[in-house]
Protein backbone atom coordinates (compact mmCIF):
# COMPACT_ATOMS: atom_id res chain seq x y z
CA UNK A 1 104.42 79.41 90.63
CA UNK A 2 106.13 80.46 86.85
CA UNK A 3 109.58 79.16 86.15
CA UNK A 4 111.62 82.48 86.43
CA UNK A 5 114.92 80.84 84.52
CA UNK A 6 112.61 80.01 81.45
CA UNK A 7 111.22 83.36 81.38
CA UNK A 8 114.78 84.84 81.29
CA UNK A 9 115.90 82.36 78.79
CA UNK A 10 112.53 83.15 76.80
CA UNK A 11 113.42 86.93 76.90
CA UNK A 12 116.91 86.20 75.28
CA UNK A 13 115.43 84.83 72.43
CA UNK A 14 112.37 87.35 72.03
CA UNK A 15 114.86 90.41 72.21
CA UNK A 16 117.58 88.80 69.54
CA UNK A 17 114.29 88.32 67.38
CA UNK A 18 112.73 91.10 67.53
CA UNK A 19 113.65 93.93 69.58
CA UNK A 20 113.05 94.26 73.67
CA UNK A 21 110.32 91.85 74.64
CA UNK A 22 110.74 91.95 78.70
CA UNK A 23 109.55 89.38 80.97
CA UNK A 24 106.25 90.34 82.25
CA UNK A 25 104.81 89.72 78.52
CA UNK A 26 105.98 86.07 79.24
CA UNK A 27 103.53 85.41 82.07
CA UNK A 28 100.93 82.93 81.72
CA UNK A 29 97.76 84.62 82.32
CA UNK A 30 96.11 84.02 85.32
CA UNK A 31 98.70 81.19 86.19
CA UNK A 32 99.83 82.05 89.70
CA UNK A 33 96.87 83.20 91.20
CA UNK A 34 93.69 81.25 92.35
CA UNK A 35 91.42 84.34 91.42
CA UNK A 36 91.36 85.23 88.27
CA UNK A 37 90.16 89.01 87.11
CA UNK A 38 88.64 90.00 84.02
CA UNK A 39 90.99 93.17 83.16
CA UNK A 40 90.08 93.64 79.39
CA UNK A 41 88.96 97.33 78.87
CA UNK A 42 85.85 98.62 79.35
CA UNK A 43 84.00 101.61 78.06
CA UNK A 44 84.19 104.36 80.61
CA UNK A 45 82.26 107.65 80.62
CA UNK A 46 84.04 110.91 80.04
CA UNK A 47 82.69 114.48 81.89
CA UNK A 48 82.10 116.94 79.85
CA UNK A 49 84.78 119.77 80.24
CA UNK A 50 83.39 123.41 80.67
CA UNK A 51 82.08 126.00 82.71
CA UNK A 52 78.72 126.26 84.12
CA UNK A 53 76.74 129.35 84.58
CA UNK A 54 73.52 129.48 86.37
CA UNK A 55 70.63 132.36 86.23
CA UNK A 56 71.76 133.30 89.55
CA UNK A 57 75.08 134.48 89.06
CA UNK A 58 77.04 131.71 90.56
CA UNK A 59 79.03 129.49 88.08
CA UNK A 60 81.35 126.40 88.50
CA UNK A 61 84.48 124.88 86.27
CA UNK A 62 85.93 121.56 85.95
CA UNK A 63 88.29 122.71 83.29
CA UNK A 64 91.48 121.93 85.01
CA UNK A 65 93.74 118.63 85.84
CA UNK A 66 91.90 116.59 88.45
CA UNK A 67 88.42 118.03 88.29
CA UNK A 68 85.89 115.89 88.87
CA UNK A 69 82.27 117.99 87.92
CA UNK A 70 79.62 115.74 85.89
CA UNK A 71 77.24 118.41 86.43
CA UNK A 72 76.02 121.83 88.68
CA UNK A 73 72.40 122.86 89.02
CA UNK A 74 71.02 125.53 90.52
CA UNK A 75 68.09 124.62 93.10
CA UNK A 76 67.43 128.20 93.68
CA UNK A 77 69.12 131.44 94.29
CA UNK A 78 71.50 130.00 97.57
CA UNK A 79 71.16 126.07 96.81
CA UNK A 80 73.48 124.36 94.16
CA UNK A 81 73.85 120.37 93.47
CA UNK A 82 77.37 119.08 92.52
CA UNK A 83 77.41 116.00 90.60
CA UNK A 84 80.20 113.68 90.68
CA UNK A 85 79.30 110.27 89.12
CA UNK A 86 82.32 107.10 88.06
CA UNK A 87 83.67 106.62 84.59
CA UNK A 88 82.12 103.01 84.97
CA UNK A 89 80.61 100.58 87.14
CA UNK A 90 81.04 98.76 89.47
CA UNK A 91 83.62 100.68 91.35
CA UNK A 92 84.85 100.97 94.83
CA UNK A 93 83.25 103.75 96.74
CA UNK A 94 85.57 106.50 96.40
CA UNK A 95 83.40 109.20 95.19
CA UNK A 96 85.94 112.10 94.09
CA UNK A 97 85.11 115.54 93.33
CA UNK A 98 87.11 118.94 92.52
CA UNK A 99 85.81 121.96 90.98
CA UNK A 100 86.58 126.12 90.81
CA UNK A 101 83.39 128.19 92.01
CA UNK A 102 82.61 131.91 91.98
CA UNK A 103 79.64 134.39 92.66
CA UNK A 104 79.04 137.70 90.92
CA UNK A 105 78.34 139.00 94.23
CA UNK A 106 79.49 137.74 97.81
CA UNK A 107 77.12 135.83 99.24
CA UNK A 108 77.04 132.09 101.34
CA UNK A 109 75.39 129.17 98.99
CA UNK A 110 74.54 125.70 100.08
CA UNK A 111 76.11 122.72 98.19
CA UNK A 112 74.53 119.38 97.90
CA UNK A 113 76.74 116.87 96.73
CA UNK A 114 75.02 114.19 94.75
CA UNK A 115 76.89 110.82 94.03
CA UNK A 116 74.04 108.70 92.97
CA UNK A 117 73.87 105.73 94.47
CA UNK A 118 77.19 106.15 96.58
CA UNK A 119 78.07 108.11 99.95
CA UNK A 120 80.08 111.07 100.55
CA UNK A 121 83.76 110.30 101.85
CA UNK A 122 85.85 113.10 101.37
CA UNK A 123 85.90 115.88 103.81
CA UNK A 124 85.95 119.42 101.69
CA UNK A 125 89.26 121.34 101.42
CA UNK A 126 89.22 124.83 99.89
CA UNK A 127 91.97 126.75 98.16
CA UNK A 128 92.38 130.44 96.45
CA UNK A 129 94.98 129.55 94.32
CA UNK A 130 94.73 125.61 93.82
CA UNK A 131 98.59 124.68 95.78
CA UNK A 132 97.49 125.59 99.64
CA UNK A 133 94.57 123.51 101.37
CA UNK A 134 92.97 124.13 104.46
CA UNK A 135 89.54 121.57 105.19
CA UNK A 136 86.63 123.44 105.80
CA UNK A 137 85.15 123.89 109.66
CA UNK A 138 82.69 120.95 110.55
CA UNK A 139 80.11 123.01 111.45
CA UNK A 140 79.81 123.75 107.91
CA UNK A 141 78.81 120.46 106.80
CA UNK A 142 75.96 118.45 107.46
CA UNK A 143 74.49 115.09 106.38
CA UNK A 144 70.63 113.94 106.49
CA UNK A 145 69.08 111.07 104.95
CA UNK A 146 72.29 109.80 103.54
CA UNK A 147 72.97 113.29 101.38
CA UNK A 148 75.81 115.51 102.47
CA UNK A 149 75.75 119.33 102.16
CA UNK A 150 78.32 122.14 103.07
CA UNK A 151 77.97 125.88 103.45
CA UNK A 152 80.54 128.34 101.44
CA UNK A 153 81.30 131.54 101.36
CA UNK A 154 81.54 132.98 97.73
CA UNK A 155 82.88 135.84 95.91
CA UNK A 156 83.70 136.97 92.64
CA UNK A 157 87.36 135.19 93.22
CA UNK A 158 87.76 131.81 92.02
CA UNK A 159 87.20 129.10 95.54
CA UNK A 160 88.88 125.84 94.42
CA UNK A 161 86.93 122.94 96.57
CA UNK A 162 87.92 119.66 96.16
CA UNK A 163 88.09 115.73 97.92
CA UNK A 164 91.51 115.65 98.62
CA UNK A 165 94.60 118.33 97.96
CA UNK A 166 95.13 117.99 94.24
CA UNK A 167 98.25 116.01 93.44
CA UNK A 168 98.55 116.02 89.63
CA UNK A 169 101.50 115.38 87.14
CA UNK A 170 102.57 118.99 87.21
CA UNK A 171 103.25 118.41 91.63
CA UNK A 172 104.96 115.28 90.83
CA UNK A 173 107.40 116.75 88.09
CA UNK A 174 108.41 119.77 90.62
CA UNK A 175 108.96 117.42 92.90
CA UNK A 176 110.85 115.07 91.22
CA UNK A 177 112.79 117.86 90.03
CA UNK A 178 113.40 119.38 93.49
CA UNK A 179 115.00 116.47 94.52
CA UNK A 180 116.95 115.75 91.88
CA UNK A 181 118.69 118.89 92.40
CA UNK A 182 119.11 118.28 96.03
CA UNK A 183 120.63 115.02 95.33
CA UNK A 184 122.23 114.97 91.55
CA UNK A 185 124.40 111.68 92.41
CA UNK A 186 121.91 109.73 93.73
CA UNK A 187 118.73 110.81 91.86
CA UNK A 188 117.94 110.15 88.25
CA UNK A 189 114.48 109.92 86.74
CA UNK A 190 112.61 109.31 83.42
CA UNK A 191 109.73 107.91 81.15
CA UNK A 192 109.07 104.25 81.38
CA UNK A 193 106.51 104.16 78.97
CA UNK A 194 103.12 105.72 78.06
CA UNK A 195 99.64 105.79 78.99
CA UNK A 196 96.57 105.02 77.17
CA UNK A 197 96.37 108.54 76.54
CA UNK A 198 99.66 109.30 75.78
CA UNK A 199 100.90 110.74 79.38
CA UNK A 200 104.25 110.17 80.40
CA UNK A 201 104.46 107.02 83.29
CA UNK A 202 107.71 108.34 85.13
CA UNK A 203 110.24 106.36 86.67
CA UNK A 204 112.61 107.28 89.50
CA UNK A 205 116.48 105.63 90.21
CA UNK A 206 117.57 106.31 93.40
CA UNK A 207 120.74 104.87 93.74
CA UNK A 208 124.22 105.30 92.31
CA UNK A 209 124.61 105.20 88.88
CA UNK A 210 125.86 101.62 88.86
CA UNK A 211 122.61 99.57 89.74
CA UNK A 212 124.49 96.30 88.47
CA UNK A 213 124.00 93.59 91.29
CA UNK A 214 122.21 95.46 93.69
CA UNK A 215 119.51 94.80 95.76
CA UNK A 216 116.70 96.17 94.44
CA UNK A 217 113.53 97.62 96.22
CA UNK A 218 110.59 98.78 94.16
CA UNK A 219 107.98 101.54 95.21
CA UNK A 220 104.91 102.24 93.52
CA UNK A 221 101.67 104.73 93.77
CA UNK A 222 98.82 106.29 92.59
CA UNK A 223 97.30 103.37 90.93
CA UNK A 224 94.30 104.98 92.04
CA UNK A 225 93.56 108.42 91.50
CA UNK A 226 91.66 109.76 94.80
CA UNK A 227 94.70 108.15 97.00
CA UNK A 228 96.25 111.61 97.24
CA UNK A 229 97.39 110.47 101.23
CA UNK A 230 99.37 107.66 99.58
CA UNK A 231 100.90 109.70 97.16
CA UNK A 232 101.99 111.93 100.46
CA UNK A 233 103.29 108.80 101.71
CA UNK A 234 105.49 108.05 99.18
CA UNK A 235 107.16 111.59 98.95
CA UNK A 236 107.72 111.19 102.83
CA UNK A 237 109.45 108.15 102.69
CA UNK A 238 111.55 108.76 99.41
CA UNK A 239 112.54 112.04 101.65
CA UNK A 240 113.25 109.69 104.47
CA UNK A 241 115.63 107.91 102.36
CA UNK A 242 117.84 111.22 102.18
CA UNK A 243 117.37 112.39 105.94
CA UNK A 244 120.68 110.73 107.41
CA UNK A 245 123.69 111.17 104.80
CA UNK A 246 125.36 108.52 106.42
CA UNK A 247 123.05 105.81 106.53
CA UNK A 248 122.22 106.77 103.03
CA UNK A 249 125.64 106.86 101.64
CA UNK A 250 125.91 103.16 103.42
CA UNK A 251 122.57 102.17 101.74
CA UNK A 252 122.77 103.14 98.35
CA UNK A 253 126.01 101.65 97.75
CA UNK A 254 124.62 98.32 98.28
CA UNK A 255 120.90 98.65 97.16
CA UNK A 256 118.84 100.78 94.44
CA UNK A 257 115.15 102.05 94.83
CA UNK A 258 113.23 102.13 91.73
CA UNK A 259 109.91 104.15 92.02
CA UNK A 260 107.00 104.68 89.81
CA UNK A 261 105.46 107.68 91.96
CA UNK A 262 101.93 108.09 89.19
CA UNK A 263 100.73 104.75 87.71
CA UNK A 264 97.79 106.34 86.99
CA UNK A 265 98.40 109.80 85.56
CA UNK A 266 95.42 109.59 83.06
CA UNK A 267 92.82 108.65 86.03
CA UNK A 268 94.81 111.55 88.28
CA UNK A 269 93.87 114.16 85.20
CA UNK A 270 90.28 113.22 84.43
CA UNK A 271 89.53 112.82 88.38
CA UNK A 272 88.61 109.15 88.06
CA UNK A 273 87.02 107.64 90.92
CA UNK A 274 88.96 104.85 90.75
CA UNK A 275 90.07 103.05 87.20
CA UNK A 276 92.50 104.34 84.58
CA UNK A 277 90.90 105.01 81.06
CA UNK A 278 90.22 101.17 80.53
CA UNK A 279 87.73 101.44 82.58
CA UNK A 280 90.15 99.04 85.08
CA UNK A 281 91.10 98.95 88.30
CA UNK A 282 94.99 98.73 87.90
CA UNK A 283 95.72 97.00 91.24
CA UNK A 284 93.79 94.13 89.62
CA UNK A 285 95.90 93.53 86.65
CA UNK A 286 99.08 92.38 87.92
CA UNK A 287 98.79 88.92 86.18
CA UNK A 288 98.01 89.57 82.58
CA UNK A 289 98.75 92.89 81.95
CA UNK A 290 96.00 94.09 79.60
CA UNK A 291 96.47 97.65 80.05
CA UNK A 292 99.13 99.89 79.12
CA UNK A 293 100.28 101.13 82.52
CA UNK A 294 100.77 97.68 84.31
CA UNK A 295 102.47 96.19 81.21
CA UNK A 296 104.84 99.21 80.63
CA UNK A 297 105.61 99.22 84.15
CA UNK A 298 106.01 95.45 84.81
CA UNK A 299 108.07 94.93 81.44
CA UNK A 300 110.28 98.32 82.56
CA UNK A 301 110.85 96.10 86.15
CA UNK A 302 111.69 93.02 84.31
CA UNK A 303 114.11 94.72 81.70
CA UNK A 304 116.36 96.67 84.46
CA UNK A 305 116.36 93.62 87.05
CA UNK A 306 117.53 91.38 84.26
CA UNK A 307 120.01 93.97 82.70
CA UNK A 308 121.23 95.20 86.46
CA UNK A 309 121.24 91.29 87.62
CA UNK A 310 119.53 92.92 90.54
CA UNK A 311 117.64 90.71 93.41
CA UNK A 312 114.18 92.46 94.10
CA UNK A 313 113.97 92.16 97.98
CA UNK A 314 111.05 94.31 98.84
CA UNK A 315 108.32 96.07 97.04
CA UNK A 316 105.89 98.80 98.83
CA UNK A 317 102.72 99.75 97.23
CA UNK A 318 101.32 103.37 98.68
CA UNK A 319 97.41 103.62 98.49
CA UNK A 320 94.97 105.41 100.84
CA UNK A 321 92.07 103.98 102.49
CA UNK A 322 89.96 104.76 105.52
CA UNK A 323 92.41 104.41 108.13
CA UNK A 324 96.15 103.54 108.10
CA UNK A 325 97.02 99.90 107.58
CA UNK A 326 99.54 97.49 106.16
CA UNK A 327 98.12 94.59 104.26
CA UNK A 328 100.81 91.90 104.05
CA UNK A 329 101.14 87.96 102.48
CA UNK A 330 100.37 85.34 105.00
CA UNK A 331 104.15 84.85 105.29
CA UNK A 332 107.37 86.20 104.19
CA UNK A 333 109.35 83.11 105.41
CA UNK A 334 110.58 81.88 101.94
CA UNK A 335 111.02 85.33 100.77
CA UNK A 336 114.32 86.53 99.90
CA UNK A 337 114.51 88.51 103.11
CA UNK A 338 112.80 85.91 106.00
CA UNK A 339 111.15 87.72 108.44
CA UNK A 340 111.50 91.39 107.30
CA UNK A 341 107.91 92.33 107.63
CA UNK A 342 107.62 91.52 111.39
CA UNK A 343 110.95 93.42 112.02
CA UNK A 344 109.98 96.08 110.10
CA UNK A 345 106.85 96.85 112.13
CA UNK A 346 107.76 96.28 115.04
CA UNK A 347 110.69 98.60 114.73
CA UNK A 348 108.14 101.36 113.25
CA UNK A 349 106.51 101.35 116.82
CA UNK A 350 109.54 102.50 118.76
CA UNK A 351 109.87 105.92 116.84
CA UNK A 352 106.01 106.65 116.60
CA UNK A 353 104.81 107.86 120.60
CA UNK A 354 101.29 105.88 120.79
CA UNK A 355 100.97 104.57 117.20
CA UNK A 356 100.21 101.06 116.96
CA UNK A 357 100.25 99.60 113.24
CA UNK A 358 97.69 97.72 111.75
CA UNK A 359 98.50 94.67 109.86
CA UNK A 360 95.97 92.66 107.83
CA UNK A 361 97.93 90.00 105.88
CA UNK A 362 95.90 87.88 103.23
CA UNK A 363 97.17 84.98 100.93
CA UNK A 364 98.00 85.15 97.46
CA UNK A 365 95.06 85.18 95.87
CA UNK A 366 94.51 88.11 93.72
CA UNK A 367 96.93 89.33 90.86
CA UNK A 368 97.45 92.44 92.91
CA UNK A 369 101.14 94.59 93.41
CA UNK A 370 102.10 92.87 96.71
CA UNK A 371 101.44 89.58 95.63
CA UNK A 372 103.09 89.99 92.24
CA UNK A 373 106.43 91.17 93.70
CA UNK A 374 106.65 87.51 95.63
CA UNK A 375 105.08 85.82 92.80
CA UNK A 376 107.42 86.69 90.71
CA UNK A 377 110.61 87.76 92.61
CA UNK A 378 110.24 85.91 96.00
CA UNK A 379 110.31 89.63 97.23
CA UNK A 380 108.33 90.97 100.18
CA UNK A 381 105.06 92.52 98.93
CA UNK A 382 103.15 95.12 101.43
CA UNK A 383 100.28 97.82 100.73
CA UNK A 384 101.14 100.60 102.49
CA UNK A 385 97.77 102.01 103.14
CA UNK A 386 97.08 105.70 104.68
CA UNK A 387 93.95 106.85 106.07
CA UNK A 388 92.37 109.71 103.83
CA UNK A 389 91.78 112.07 107.11
CA UNK A 390 95.35 110.80 108.96
CA UNK A 391 96.90 114.09 109.44
CA UNK A 392 99.50 115.38 107.11
CA UNK A 393 102.19 115.71 109.19
CA UNK A 394 101.84 112.32 110.75
CA UNK A 395 102.01 110.95 107.19
CA UNK A 396 105.28 112.92 106.86
CA UNK A 397 106.90 111.66 109.94
CA UNK A 398 105.77 108.20 109.36
CA UNK A 399 106.64 108.42 106.09
CA UNK A 400 110.39 109.20 107.21
CA UNK A 401 110.55 107.04 109.49
CA UNK A 402 109.54 103.77 108.15
CA UNK A 403 112.24 104.24 105.62
CA UNK A 404 114.90 105.07 107.94
CA UNK A 405 114.10 102.04 109.98
CA UNK A 406 113.65 99.99 106.35
CA UNK A 407 117.17 100.95 105.39
CA UNK A 408 118.44 100.02 108.69
CA UNK A 409 117.15 96.35 108.53
CA UNK A 410 118.29 95.56 105.20
CA UNK A 411 121.72 96.88 106.11
CA UNK A 412 121.85 94.17 108.59
């Protein structure tokens, strides 16, 4: 394990000599993980943004943030192929699609979803305005010989068809503005840095304005663009921090919460399946920080904690997968808050009737965020995974409840 005191000393020297150079850049590449992963940038394929017209009067487009439609092919006047290919390979099987479609006359069409060698994953949702979403009826969708088809009724009005509800930078800013307006003394947000394409990497600082000597909780989300349910869980968790005014007031006297709510906005905007514009899974880049997104955020965290003399106690990284699960480390007995994980998981069950949390511990082998929290700060690190199809009202209920129980345990 690296010497943290040495890193602080190195930071002071570098700051005085050539401007701010934060702690994360001083980490020895791969030195603290058993498994090394190459996170140098790799080529990606950009989809062509366009309107696709067919001879039969049915058209589709990917000209909006979050879209992915790599080709749109008329098979006949009632059947159309939706092609979505990944930004590069190898890649996690999370085939994302999002497009707008319309017809010059009312008609029912069959859409054939084509992901090459990958299988269909996300149940289609539709919208007439890009903001209010509804899952299609299960009777509309079929899967035969590994190919998925779905039937839709089209008119001249636009129908949005997506893998998951769209939640882009615009929705994020709207939510942050509303949260800040509701809690102006406790919620602040700003820009930590820029992505590879120059998009803003936002941070949120929750707590009293004076953060010095506070215990710090760090929350991350959206390293992987399709993982919208993880984003919803993060939102609910943060909303839950304010559900009990008395508890919130007491909690924020002793704690601050630092949030990076959308770590991969380039990938989100471009409709990527998994990676950033560097063609890398950001949640494998927590050792050498080859990608600007992980470099900016680790720099920001380390500068913040050094400046404010914080003790990082907990890091939660919100993701999506097939079903709800908490990925934990094998033990947190040597962490700065020993046995928090078991206390927290056990307490979650008490307020969610019929819910049995699934926990999957793993060793500190890979350079992923949950391991980084422990390696760098001796903090508890947990990956908070939400299922693709977990009911949205339950995501909200669980997110708020898990926040409340975290606060209560940390206040003991």
